[in-house]
Amino acid sequence: GGLVQAGGSLRLSCAASGRTFSTYVMGWFRQASGKEREFVAT
């Protein structure tokens, strides 16, 4: 994460502990200021 200008790009990473990572469905959610958490991708 970080600061980026509109139109730019970022790549977020999520590192998981353990040896069973391949058994998990993974998802990304986000929460904007003053708003509830929402689904983004899975």
PDB file of all heavy atoms in Angstrom:
ATOM      1  N   GLY A   1       0.811  -1.192   0.000  1.00  0.00           N
ATOM      2  CA  GLY A   1       0.000   0.000   0.000  1.00  0.00           C
ATOM      3  C   GLY A   1       0.851   1.250   0.000  1.00  0.00           C
ATOM      4  O   GLY A   1       2.058   1.215   0.198  1.00  0.00           O
ATOM      5  N   GLY A   2       0.197   2.362  -0.237  1.00  0.00           N
ATOM      6  CA  GLY A   2       0.904   3.630  -0.261  1.00  0.00           C
ATOM      7  C   GLY A   2       0.110   4.694  -0.966  1.00  0.00           C
ATOM      8  O   GLY A   2      -1.095   4.569  -1.174  1.00  0.00           O
ATOM      9  N   LEU A   3       0.801   5.754  -1.329  1.00  0.00           N
ATOM     10  CA  LEU A   3       0.188   6.886  -2.013  1.00  0.00           C
ATOM     11  C   LEU A   3       0.479   6.804  -3.501  1.00  0.00           C
ATOM     12  O   LEU A   3       1.631   6.611  -3.908  1.00  0.00           O
ATOM     13  CB  LEU A   3       0.729   8.198  -1.445  1.00  0.00           C
ATOM     14  CG  LEU A   3       0.259   9.485  -2.116  1.00  0.00           C
ATOM     15  CD1 LEU A   3      -1.246   9.666  -1.934  1.00  0.00           C
ATOM     16  CD2 LEU A   3       1.018  10.673  -1.552  1.00  0.00           C
ATOM     17  N   VAL A   4      -0.558   6.965  -4.300  1.00  0.00           N
ATOM     18  CA  VAL A   4      -0.411   6.917  -5.750  1.00  0.00           C
ATOM     19  C   VAL A   4      -1.352   7.935  -6.370  1.00  0.00           C
ATOM     20  O   VAL A   4      -2.412   8.234  -5.824  1.00  0.00           O
ATOM     21  CB  VAL A   4      -0.698   5.492  -6.284  1.00  0.00           C
ATOM     22  CG1 VAL A   4      -2.144   5.097  -6.015  1.00  0.00           C
ATOM     23  CG2 VAL A   4      -0.365   5.379  -7.761  1.00  0.00           C
ATOM     24  N   GLN A   5      -0.963   8.476  -7.503  1.00  0.00           N
ATOM     25  CA  GLN A   5      -1.808   9.415  -8.209  1.00  0.00           C
ATOM     26  C   GLN A   5      -2.888   8.684  -8.991  1.00  0.00           C
ATOM     27  O   GLN A   5      -2.720   7.525  -9.377  1.00  0.00           O
ATOM     28  CB  GLN A   5      -0.979  10.279  -9.163  1.00  0.00           C
ATOM     29  CG  GLN A   5      -0.043  11.245  -8.474  1.00  0.00           C
ATOM     30  CD  GLN A   5       0.689  12.135  -9.450  1.00  0.00           C
ATOM     31  OE1 GLN A   5       1.052  11.715 -10.545  1.00  0.00           O
ATOM     32  NE2 GLN A   5       0.909  13.381  -9.054  1.00  0.00           N
ATOM     33  N   ALA A   6      -3.994   9.364  -9.210  1.00  0.00           N
ATOM     34  CA  ALA A   6      -5.068   8.787 -10.007  1.00  0.00           C
ATOM     35  C   ALA A   6      -4.543   8.348 -11.363  1.00  0.00           C
ATOM     36  O   ALA A   6      -3.776   9.062 -12.010  1.00  0.00           O
ATOM     37  CB  ALA A   6      -6.199   9.795 -10.169  1.00  0.00           C
ATOM     38  N   GLY A   7      -4.960   7.163 -11.779  1.00  0.00           N
ATOM     39  CA  GLY A   7      -4.497   6.597 -13.029  1.00  0.00           C
ATOM     40  C   GLY A   7      -3.280   5.713 -12.889  1.00  0.00           C
ATOM     41  O   GLY A   7      -2.920   4.999 -13.833  1.00  0.00           O
ATOM     42  N   GLY A   8      -2.669   5.738 -11.734  1.00  0.00           N
ATOM     43  CA  GLY A   8      -1.496   4.929 -11.488  1.00  0.00           C
ATOM     44  C   GLY A   8      -1.844   3.520 -11.075  1.00  0.00           C
ATOM     45  O   GLY A   8      -2.999   3.113 -11.063  1.00  0.00           O
ATOM     46  N   SER A   9      -0.813   2.775 -10.708  1.00  0.00           N
ATOM     47  CA  SER A   9      -0.980   1.367 -10.376  1.00  0.00           C
ATOM     48  C   SER A   9      -0.244   1.010  -9.095  1.00  0.00           C
ATOM     49  O   SER A   9       0.754   1.628  -8.741  1.00  0.00           O
ATOM     50  CB  SER A   9      -0.454   0.484 -11.512  1.00  0.00           C
ATOM     51  OG  SER A   9      -1.147   0.712 -12.723  1.00  0.00           O
ATOM     52  N   LEU A  10      -0.753   0.009  -8.431  1.00  0.00           N
ATOM     53  CA  LEU A  10      -0.118  -0.577  -7.262  1.00  0.00           C
ATOM     54  C   LEU A  10      -0.338  -2.078  -7.292  1.00  0.00           C
ATOM     55  O   LEU A  10      -1.335  -2.555  -7.840  1.00  0.00           O
ATOM     56  CB  LEU A  10      -0.698  -0.024  -5.960  1.00  0.00           C
ATOM     57  CG  LEU A  10      -0.299   1.371  -5.501  1.00  0.00           C
ATOM     58  CD1 LEU A  10      -1.111   1.745  -4.266  1.00  0.00           C
ATOM     59  CD2 LEU A  10       1.188   1.435  -5.200  1.00  0.00           C
ATOM     60  N   ARG A  11       0.570  -2.807  -6.699  1.00  0.00           N
ATOM     61  CA  ARG A  11       0.370  -4.222  -6.493  1.00  0.00           C
ATOM     62  C   ARG A  11       0.457  -4.527  -5.007  1.00  0.00           C
ATOM     63  O   ARG A  11       1.499  -4.303  -4.382  1.00  0.00           O
ATOM     64  CB  ARG A  11       1.387  -5.080  -7.249  1.00  0.00           C
ATOM     65  CG  ARG A  11       1.031  -6.569  -7.187  1.00  0.00           C
ATOM     66  CD  ARG A  11       1.968  -7.449  -7.982  1.00  0.00           C
ATOM     67  NE  ARG A  11       3.233  -7.657  -7.304  1.00  0.00           N
ATOM     68  CZ  ARG A  11       4.070  -8.658  -7.579  1.00  0.00           C
ATOM     69  NH1 ARG A  11       3.757  -9.535  -8.535  1.00  0.00           N
ATOM     70  NH2 ARG A  11       5.211  -8.764  -6.926  1.00  0.00           N
ATOM     71  N   LEU A  12      -0.629  -5.021  -4.471  1.00  0.00           N
ATOM     72  CA  LEU A  12      -0.670  -5.423  -3.083  1.00  0.00           C
ATOM     73  C   LEU A  12      -0.313  -6.895  -2.963  1.00  0.00           C
ATOM     74  O   LEU A  12      -0.665  -7.706  -3.819  1.00  0.00           O
ATOM     75  CB  LEU A  12      -2.057  -5.194  -2.479  1.00  0.00           C
ATOM     76  CG  LEU A  12      -2.627  -3.772  -2.576  1.00  0.00           C
ATOM     77  CD1 LEU A  12      -3.968  -3.713  -1.848  1.00  0.00           C
ATOM     78  CD2 LEU A  12      -1.650  -2.758  -2.012  1.00  0.00           C
ATOM     79  N   SER A  13       0.368  -7.229  -1.894  1.00  0.00           N
ATOM     80  CA  SER A  13       0.726  -8.605  -1.621  1.00  0.00           C
ATOM     81  C   SER A  13       0.176  -9.025  -0.273  1.00  0.00           C
ATOM     82  O   SER A  13       0.052  -8.217   0.640  1.00  0.00           O
ATOM     83  CB  SER A  13       2.247  -8.786  -1.626  1.00  0.00           C
ATOM     84  OG  SER A  13       2.801  -8.470  -2.881  1.00  0.00           O
ATOM     85  N   CYS A  14      -0.137 -10.285  -0.163  1.00  0.00           N
ATOM     86  CA  CYS A  14      -0.606 -10.856   1.091  1.00  0.00           C
ATOM     87  C   CYS A  14       0.127 -12.160   1.308  1.00  0.00           C
ATOM     88  O   CYS A  14      -0.081 -13.126   0.565  1.00  0.00           O
ATOM     89  CB  CYS A  14      -2.118 -11.077   1.057  1.00  0.00           C
ATOM     90  SG  CYS A  14      -2.788 -11.905   2.518  1.00  0.00           S
ATOM     91  N   ALA A  15       0.988 -12.188   2.302  1.00  0.00           N
ATOM     92  CA  ALA A  15       1.769 -13.373   2.614  1.00  0.00           C
ATOM     93  C   ALA A  15       1.122 -14.129   3.759  1.00  0.00           C
ATOM     94  O   ALA A  15       0.791 -13.547   4.789  1.00  0.00           O
ATOM     95  CB  ALA A  15       3.200 -12.990   2.971  1.00  0.00           C
ATOM     96  N   ALA A  16       0.962 -15.425   3.581  1.00  0.00           N
ATOM     97  CA  ALA A  16       0.307 -16.266   4.573  1.00  0.00           C
ATOM     98  C   ALA A  16       1.296 -17.224   5.209  1.00  0.00           C
ATOM     99  O   ALA A  16       2.197 -17.744   4.549  1.00  0.00           O
ATOM    100  CB  ALA A  16      -0.833 -17.053   3.935  1.00  0.00           C
ATOM    101  N   SER A  17       1.120 -17.444   6.483  1.00  0.00           N
ATOM    102  CA  SER A  17       1.936 -18.423   7.187  1.00  0.00           C
ATOM    103  C   SER A  17       1.371 -19.822   6.981  1.00  0.00           C
ATOM    104  O   SER A  17       0.227 -19.994   6.557  1.00  0.00           O
ATOM    105  CB  SER A  17       1.989 -18.093   8.680  1.00  0.00           C
ATOM    106  OG  SER A  17       0.701 -18.194   9.267  1.00  0.00           O
ATOM    107  N   GLY A  18       2.176 -20.827   7.288  1.00  0.00           N
ATOM    108  CA  GLY A  18       1.718 -22.195   7.188  1.00  0.00           C
ATOM    109  C   GLY A  18       2.023 -22.850   5.856  1.00  0.00           C
ATOM    110  O   GLY A  18       2.491 -22.199   4.915  1.00  0.00           O
ATOM    111  N   ARG A  19       1.701 -24.129   5.779  1.00  0.00           N
ATOM    112  CA  ARG A  19       1.989 -24.919   4.584  1.00  0.00           C
ATOM    113  C   ARG A  19       0.749 -25.312   3.804  1.00  0.00           C
ATOM    114  O   ARG A  19       0.849 -26.054   2.831  1.00  0.00           O
ATOM    115  CB  ARG A  19       2.744 -26.187   4.988  1.00  0.00           C
ATOM    116  CG  ARG A  19       4.047 -25.933   5.724  1.00  0.00           C
ATOM    117  CD  ARG A  19       4.704 -27.229   6.154  1.00  0.00           C
ATOM    118  NE  ARG A  19       5.935 -26.999   6.881  1.00  0.00           N
ATOM    119  CZ  ARG A  19       6.683 -27.954   7.416  1.00  0.00           C
ATOM    120  NH1 ARG A  19       6.299 -29.224   7.294  1.00  0.00           N
ATOM    121  NH2 ARG A  19       7.788 -27.645   8.061  1.00  0.00           N
ATOM    122  N   THR A  20      -0.398 -24.834   4.218  1.00  0.00           N
ATOM    123  CA  THR A  20      -1.656 -25.218   3.593  1.00  0.00           C
ATOM    124  C   THR A  20      -2.299 -24.074   2.825  1.00  0.00           C
ATOM    125  O   THR A  20      -3.509 -24.048   2.648  1.00  0.00           O
ATOM    126  CB  THR A  20      -2.643 -25.748   4.645  1.00  0.00           C
ATOM    127  OG1 THR A  20      -2.870 -24.749   5.647  1.00  0.00           O
ATOM    128  CG2 THR A  20      -2.103 -27.003   5.296  1.00  0.00           C
ATOM    129  N   PHE A  21      -1.505 -23.145   2.354  1.00  0.00           N
ATOM    130  CA  PHE A  21      -2.023 -21.982   1.657  1.00  0.00           C
ATOM    131  C   PHE A  21      -2.892 -22.367   0.468  1.00  0.00           C
ATOM    132  O   PHE A  21      -3.909 -21.722   0.201  1.00  0.00           O
ATOM    133  CB  PHE A  21      -0.871 -21.092   1.198  1.00  0.00           C
ATOM    134  CG  PHE A  21      -1.293 -19.885   0.417  1.00  0.00           C
ATOM    135  CD1 PHE A  21      -1.872 -18.802   1.046  1.00  0.00           C
ATOM    136  CD2 PHE A  21      -1.108 -19.825  -0.961  1.00  0.00           C
ATOM    137  CE1 PHE A  21      -2.263 -17.681   0.334  1.00  0.00           C
ATOM    138  CE2 PHE A  21      -1.489 -18.714  -1.683  1.00  0.00           C
ATOM    139  CZ  PHE A  21      -2.064 -17.642  -1.036  1.00  0.00           C
ATOM    140  N   SER A  22      -2.509 -23.404  -0.251  1.00  0.00           N
ATOM    141  CA  SER A  22      -3.234 -23.794  -1.449  1.00  0.00           C
ATOM    142  C   SER A  22      -4.636 -24.316  -1.162  1.00  0.00           C
ATOM    143  O   SER A  22      -5.434 -24.464  -2.087  1.00  0.00           O
ATOM    144  CB  SER A  22      -2.447 -24.851  -2.237  1.00  0.00           C
ATOM    145  OG  SER A  22      -2.291 -26.035  -1.480  1.00  0.00           O
ATOM    146  N   THR A  23      -4.961 -24.581   0.084  1.00  0.00           N
ATOM    147  CA  THR A  23      -6.291 -25.062   0.443  1.00  0.00           C
ATOM    148  C   THR A  23      -7.257 -23.924   0.729  1.00  0.00           C
ATOM    149  O   THR A  23      -8.446 -24.169   0.924  1.00  0.00           O
ATOM    150  CB  THR A  23      -6.242 -25.984   1.663  1.00  0.00           C
ATOM    151  OG1 THR A  23      -5.910 -25.228   2.841  1.00  0.00           O
ATOM    152  CG2 THR A  23      -5.206 -27.086   1.470  1.00  0.00           C
ATOM    153  N   TYR A  24      -6.777 -22.699   0.768  1.00  0.00           N
ATOM    154  CA  TYR A  24      -7.605 -21.571   1.140  1.00  0.00           C
ATOM    155  C   TYR A  24      -8.078 -20.785  -0.070  1.00  0.00           C
ATOM    156  O   TYR A  24      -7.298 -20.472  -0.970  1.00  0.00           O
ATOM    157  CB  TYR A  24      -6.841 -20.609   2.056  1.00  0.00           C
ATOM    158  CG  TYR A  24      -6.348 -21.221   3.341  1.00  0.00           C
ATOM    159  CD1 TYR A  24      -5.023 -21.086   3.722  1.00  0.00           C
ATOM    160  CD2 TYR A  24      -7.209 -21.928   4.169  1.00  0.00           C
ATOM    161  CE1 TYR A  24      -4.563 -21.636   4.902  1.00  0.00           C
ATOM    162  CE2 TYR A  24      -6.756 -22.488   5.351  1.00  0.00           C
ATOM    163  CZ  TYR A  24      -5.435 -22.335   5.711  1.00  0.00           C
ATOM    164  OH  TYR A  24      -4.982 -22.885   6.890  1.00  0.00           O
ATOM    165  N   VAL A  25      -9.347 -20.471  -0.069  1.00  0.00           N
ATOM    166  CA  VAL A  25      -9.848 -19.429  -0.948  1.00  0.00           C
ATOM    167  C   VAL A  25      -9.369 -18.099  -0.377  1.00  0.00           C
ATOM    168  O   VAL A  25      -9.442 -17.873   0.829  1.00  0.00           O
ATOM    169  CB  VAL A  25     -11.383 -19.464  -1.024  1.00  0.00           C
ATOM    170  CG1 VAL A  25     -11.922 -18.240  -1.761  1.00  0.00           C
ATOM    171  CG2 VAL A  25     -11.848 -20.748  -1.702  1.00  0.00           C
ATOM    172  N   MET A  26      -8.875 -17.233  -1.226  1.00  0.00           N
ATOM    173  CA  MET A  26      -8.354 -15.953  -0.774  1.00  0.00           C
ATOM    174  C   MET A  26      -9.214 -14.815  -1.310  1.00  0.00           C
ATOM    175  O   MET A  26      -9.793 -14.908  -2.399  1.00  0.00           O
ATOM    176  CB  MET A  26      -6.911 -15.752  -1.229  1.00  0.00           C
ATOM    177  CG  MET A  26      -5.958 -16.822  -0.731  1.00  0.00           C
ATOM    178  SD  MET A  26      -5.828 -16.862   1.088  1.00  0.00           S
ATOM    179  CE  MET A  26      -5.140 -15.228   1.411  1.00  0.00           C
ATOM    180  N   GLY A  27      -9.270 -13.755  -0.539  1.00  0.00           N
ATOM    181  CA  GLY A  27     -10.056 -12.614  -0.953  1.00  0.00           C
ATOM    182  C   GLY A  27      -9.437 -11.304  -0.531  1.00  0.00           C
ATOM    183  O   GLY A  27      -8.602 -11.254   0.377  1.00  0.00           O
ATOM    184  N   TRP A  28      -9.834 -10.257  -1.215  1.00  0.00           N
ATOM    185  CA  TRP A  28      -9.463  -8.896  -0.856  1.00  0.00           C
ATOM    186  C   TRP A  28     -10.724  -8.093  -0.571  1.00  0.00           C
ATOM    187  O   TRP A  28     -11.694  -8.145  -1.334  1.00  0.00           O
ATOM    188  CB  TRP A  28      -8.673  -8.210  -1.974  1.00  0.00           C
ATOM    189  CG  TRP A  28      -7.255  -8.653  -2.095  1.00  0.00           C
ATOM    190  CD1 TRP A  28      -6.743  -9.546  -2.973  1.00  0.00           C
ATOM    191  CD2 TRP A  28      -6.148  -8.186  -1.311  1.00  0.00           C
ATOM    192  NE1 TRP A  28      -5.395  -9.688  -2.798  1.00  0.00           N
ATOM    193  CE2 TRP A  28      -5.000  -8.865  -1.784  1.00  0.00           C
ATOM    194  CE3 TRP A  28      -6.014  -7.274  -0.270  1.00  0.00           C
ATOM    195  CZ2 TRP A  28      -3.729  -8.651  -1.239  1.00  0.00           C
ATOM    196  CZ3 TRP A  28      -4.759  -7.069   0.273  1.00  0.00           C
ATOM    197  CH2 TRP A  28      -3.632  -7.746  -0.209  1.00  0.00           C
ATOM    198  N   PHE A  29     -10.693  -7.373   0.523  1.00  0.00           N
ATOM    199  CA  PHE A  29     -11.759  -6.469   0.907  1.00  0.00           C
ATOM    200  C   PHE A  29     -11.162  -5.100   1.151  1.00  0.00           C
ATOM    201  O   PHE A  29      -9.946  -4.951   1.282  1.00  0.00           O
ATOM    202  CB  PHE A  29     -12.469  -6.971   2.168  1.00  0.00           C
ATOM    203  CG  PHE A  29     -13.249  -8.241   1.972  1.00  0.00           C
ATOM    204  CD1 PHE A  29     -12.603  -9.461   1.881  1.00  0.00           C
ATOM    205  CD2 PHE A  29     -14.631  -8.212   1.871  1.00  0.00           C
ATOM    206  CE1 PHE A  29     -13.313 -10.636   1.701  1.00  0.00           C
ATOM    207  CE2 PHE A  29     -15.355  -9.383   1.692  1.00  0.00           C
ATOM    208  CZ  PHE A  29     -14.700 -10.586   1.600  1.00  0.00           C
ATOM    209  N   ARG A  30     -12.009  -4.104   1.219  1.00  0.00           N
ATOM    210  CA  ARG A  30     -11.524  -2.763   1.522  1.00  0.00           C
ATOM    211  C   ARG A  30     -12.542  -2.020   2.372  1.00  0.00           C
ATOM    212  O   ARG A  30     -13.730  -2.314   2.344  1.00  0.00           O
ATOM    213  CB  ARG A  30     -11.230  -1.968   0.248  1.00  0.00           C
ATOM    214  CG  ARG A  30     -12.455  -1.613  -0.590  1.00  0.00           C
ATOM    215  CD  ARG A  30     -12.036  -0.931  -1.876  1.00  0.00           C
ATOM    216  NE  ARG A  30     -13.176  -0.609  -2.724  1.00  0.00           N
ATOM    217  CZ  ARG A  30     -13.076  -0.129  -3.960  1.00  0.00           C
ATOM    218  NH1 ARG A  30     -11.870   0.079  -4.499  1.00  0.00           N
ATOM    219  NH2 ARG A  30     -14.171   0.136  -4.655  1.00  0.00           N
ATOM    220  N   GLN A  31     -12.040  -1.055   3.104  1.00  0.00           N
ATOM    221  CA  GLN A  31     -12.898  -0.239   3.941  1.00  0.00           C
ATOM    222  C   GLN A  31     -12.445   1.212   3.828  1.00  0.00           C
ATOM    223  O   GLN A  31     -11.356   1.567   4.269  1.00  0.00           O
ATOM    224  CB  GLN A  31     -12.859  -0.690   5.399  1.00  0.00           C
ATOM    225  CG  GLN A  31     -13.833   0.060   6.288  1.00  0.00           C
ATOM    226  CD  GLN A  31     -13.969  -0.564   7.661  1.00  0.00           C
ATOM    227  OE1 GLN A  31     -13.088  -1.294   8.109  1.00  0.00           O
ATOM    228  NE2 GLN A  31     -15.071  -0.287   8.327  1.00  0.00           N
ATOM    229  N   ALA A  32     -13.288   2.018   3.237  1.00  0.00           N
ATOM    230  CA  ALA A  32     -13.015   3.443   3.123  1.00  0.00           C
ATOM    231  C   ALA A  32     -13.447   4.152   4.398  1.00  0.00           C
ATOM    232  O   ALA A  32     -14.259   3.649   5.165  1.00  0.00           O
ATOM    233  CB  ALA A  32     -13.744   4.024   1.912  1.00  0.00           C
ATOM    234  N   SER A  33     -12.904   5.332   4.606  1.00  0.00           N
ATOM    235  CA  SER A  33     -13.232   6.104   5.792  1.00  0.00           C
ATOM    236  C   SER A  33     -14.725   6.374   5.864  1.00  0.00           C
ATOM    237  O   SER A  33     -15.319   6.878   4.913  1.00  0.00           O
ATOM    238  CB  SER A  33     -12.460   7.426   5.789  1.00  0.00           C
ATOM    239  OG  SER A  33     -12.766   8.202   6.923  1.00  0.00           O
ATOM    240  N   GLY A  34     -15.324   6.016   6.984  1.00  0.00           N
ATOM    241  CA  GLY A  34     -16.735   6.245   7.187  1.00  0.00           C
ATOM    242  C   GLY A  34     -17.657   5.260   6.508  1.00  0.00           C
ATOM    243  O   GLY A  34     -18.875   5.420   6.573  1.00  0.00           O
ATOM    244  N   LYS A  35     -17.111   4.241   5.866  1.00  0.00           N
ATOM    245  CA  LYS A  35     -17.917   3.252   5.174  1.00  0.00           C
ATOM    246  C   LYS A  35     -17.645   1.861   5.725  1.00  0.00           C
ATOM    247  O   LYS A  35     -16.648   1.623   6.390  1.00  0.00           O
ATOM    248  CB  LYS A  35     -17.651   3.284   3.674  1.00  0.00           C
ATOM    249  CG  LYS A  35     -18.000   4.602   3.003  1.00  0.00           C
ATOM    250  CD  LYS A  35     -17.763   4.542   1.506  1.00  0.00           C
ATOM    251  CE  LYS A  35     -18.140   5.847   0.833  1.00  0.00           C
ATOM    252  NZ  LYS A  35     -17.908   5.794  -0.638  1.00  0.00           N
ATOM    253  N   GLU A  36     -18.541   0.946   5.414  1.00  0.00           N
ATOM    254  CA  GLU A  36     -18.366  -0.422   5.870  1.00  0.00           C
ATOM    255  C   GLU A  36     -17.445  -1.186   4.933  1.00  0.00           C
ATOM    256  O   GLU A  36     -17.226  -0.806   3.781  1.00  0.00           O
ATOM    257  CB  GLU A  36     -19.720  -1.126   5.983  1.00  0.00           C
ATOM    258  CG  GLU A  36     -20.471  -1.245   4.676  1.00  0.00           C
ATOM    259  CD  GLU A  36     -21.855  -1.840   4.857  1.00  0.00           C
ATOM    260  OE1 GLU A  36     -22.370  -1.807   5.983  1.00  0.00           O
ATOM    261  OE2 GLU A  36     -22.419  -2.348   3.866  1.00  0.00           O
ATOM    262  N   ARG A  37     -16.903  -2.260   5.451  1.00  0.00           N
ATOM    263  CA  ARG A  37     -16.013  -3.089   4.658  1.00  0.00           C
ATOM    264  C   ARG A  37     -16.773  -3.727   3.501  1.00  0.00           C
ATOM    265  O   ARG A  37     -17.901  -4.197   3.661  1.00  0.00           O
ATOM    266  CB  ARG A  37     -15.387  -4.162   5.551  1.00  0.00           C
ATOM    267  CG  ARG A  37     -14.302  -4.979   4.894  1.00  0.00           C
ATOM    268  CD  ARG A  37     -13.686  -5.941   5.906  1.00  0.00           C
ATOM    269  NE  ARG A  37     -13.079  -5.228   7.019  1.00  0.00           N
ATOM    270  CZ  ARG A  37     -12.509  -5.826   8.061  1.00  0.00           C
ATOM    271  NH1 ARG A  37     -12.463  -7.147   8.134  1.00  0.00           N
ATOM    272  NH2 ARG A  37     -11.985  -5.101   9.036  1.00  0.00           N
ATOM    273  N   GLU A  38     -16.164  -3.745   2.325  1.00  0.00           N
ATOM    274  CA  GLU A  38     -16.816  -4.300   1.161  1.00  0.00           C
ATOM    275  C   GLU A  38     -15.898  -5.257   0.412  1.00  0.00           C
ATOM    276  O   GLU A  38     -14.675  -5.132   0.442  1.00  0.00           O
ATOM    277  CB  GLU A  38     -17.286  -3.192   0.210  1.00  0.00           C
ATOM    278  CG  GLU A  38     -16.165  -2.390  -0.424  1.00  0.00           C
ATOM    279  CD  GLU A  38     -16.662  -1.390  -1.447  1.00  0.00           C
ATOM    280  OE1 GLU A  38     -17.850  -1.448  -1.818  1.00  0.00           O
ATOM    281  OE2 GLU A  38     -15.857  -0.539  -1.889  1.00  0.00           O
ATOM    282  N   PHE A  39     -16.514  -6.173  -0.279  1.00  0.00           N
ATOM    283  CA  PHE A  39     -15.790  -7.139  -1.090  1.00  0.00           C
ATOM    284  C   PHE A  39     -15.170  -6.464  -2.301  1.00  0.00           C
ATOM    285  O   PHE A  39     -15.772  -5.579  -2.909  1.00  0.00           O
ATOM    286  CB  PHE A  39     -16.751  -8.242  -1.544  1.00  0.00           C
ATOM    287  CG  PHE A  39     -16.240  -9.063  -2.685  1.00  0.00           C
ATOM    288  CD1 PHE A  39     -15.309 -10.070  -2.473  1.00  0.00           C
ATOM    289  CD2 PHE A  39     -16.690  -8.845  -3.972  1.00  0.00           C
ATOM    290  CE1 PHE A  39     -14.829 -10.833  -3.521  1.00  0.00           C
ATOM    291  CE2 PHE A  39     -16.229  -9.601  -5.030  1.00  0.00           C
ATOM    292  CZ  PHE A  39     -15.291 -10.598  -4.798  1.00  0.00           C
ATOM    293  N   VAL A  40     -13.967  -6.909  -2.660  1.00  0.00           N
ATOM    294  CA  VAL A  40     -13.296  -6.392  -3.843  1.00  0.00           C
ATOM    295  C   VAL A  40     -12.991  -7.506  -4.838  1.00  0.00           C
ATOM    296  O   VAL A  40     -13.319  -7.402  -6.019  1.00  0.00           O
ATOM    297  CB  VAL A  40     -11.996  -5.656  -3.478  1.00  0.00           C
ATOM    298  CG1 VAL A  40     -11.292  -5.179  -4.743  1.00  0.00           C
ATOM    299  CG2 VAL A  40     -12.292  -4.487  -2.559  1.00  0.00           C
ATOM    300  N   ALA A  41     -12.353  -8.573  -4.382  1.00  0.00           N
ATOM    301  CA  ALA A  41     -11.955  -9.641  -5.290  1.00  0.00           C
ATOM    302  C   ALA A  41     -11.723 -10.926  -4.517  1.00  0.00           C
ATOM    303  O   ALA A  41     -11.433 -10.907  -3.322  1.00  0.00           O
ATOM    304  CB  ALA A  41     -10.688  -9.266  -6.059  1.00  0.00           C
ATOM    305  N   THR A  42     -11.841 -12.045  -5.209  1.00  0.00           N
ATOM    306  CA  THR A  42     -11.587 -13.341  -4.607  1.00  0.00           C
ATOM    307  C   THR A  42     -10.988 -14.271  -5.648  1.00  0.00           C
ATOM    308  O   THR A  42     -11.168 -14.077  -6.858  1.00  0.00           O
ATOM    309  CB  THR A  42     -12.872 -13.953  -4.026  1.00  0.00           C
ATOM    310  OG1 THR A  42     -12.578 -15.179  -3.346  1.00  0.00           O
ATOM    311  CG2 THR A  42     -13.892 -14.228  -5.128  1.00  0.00           C
TER     312      THR A  42
END
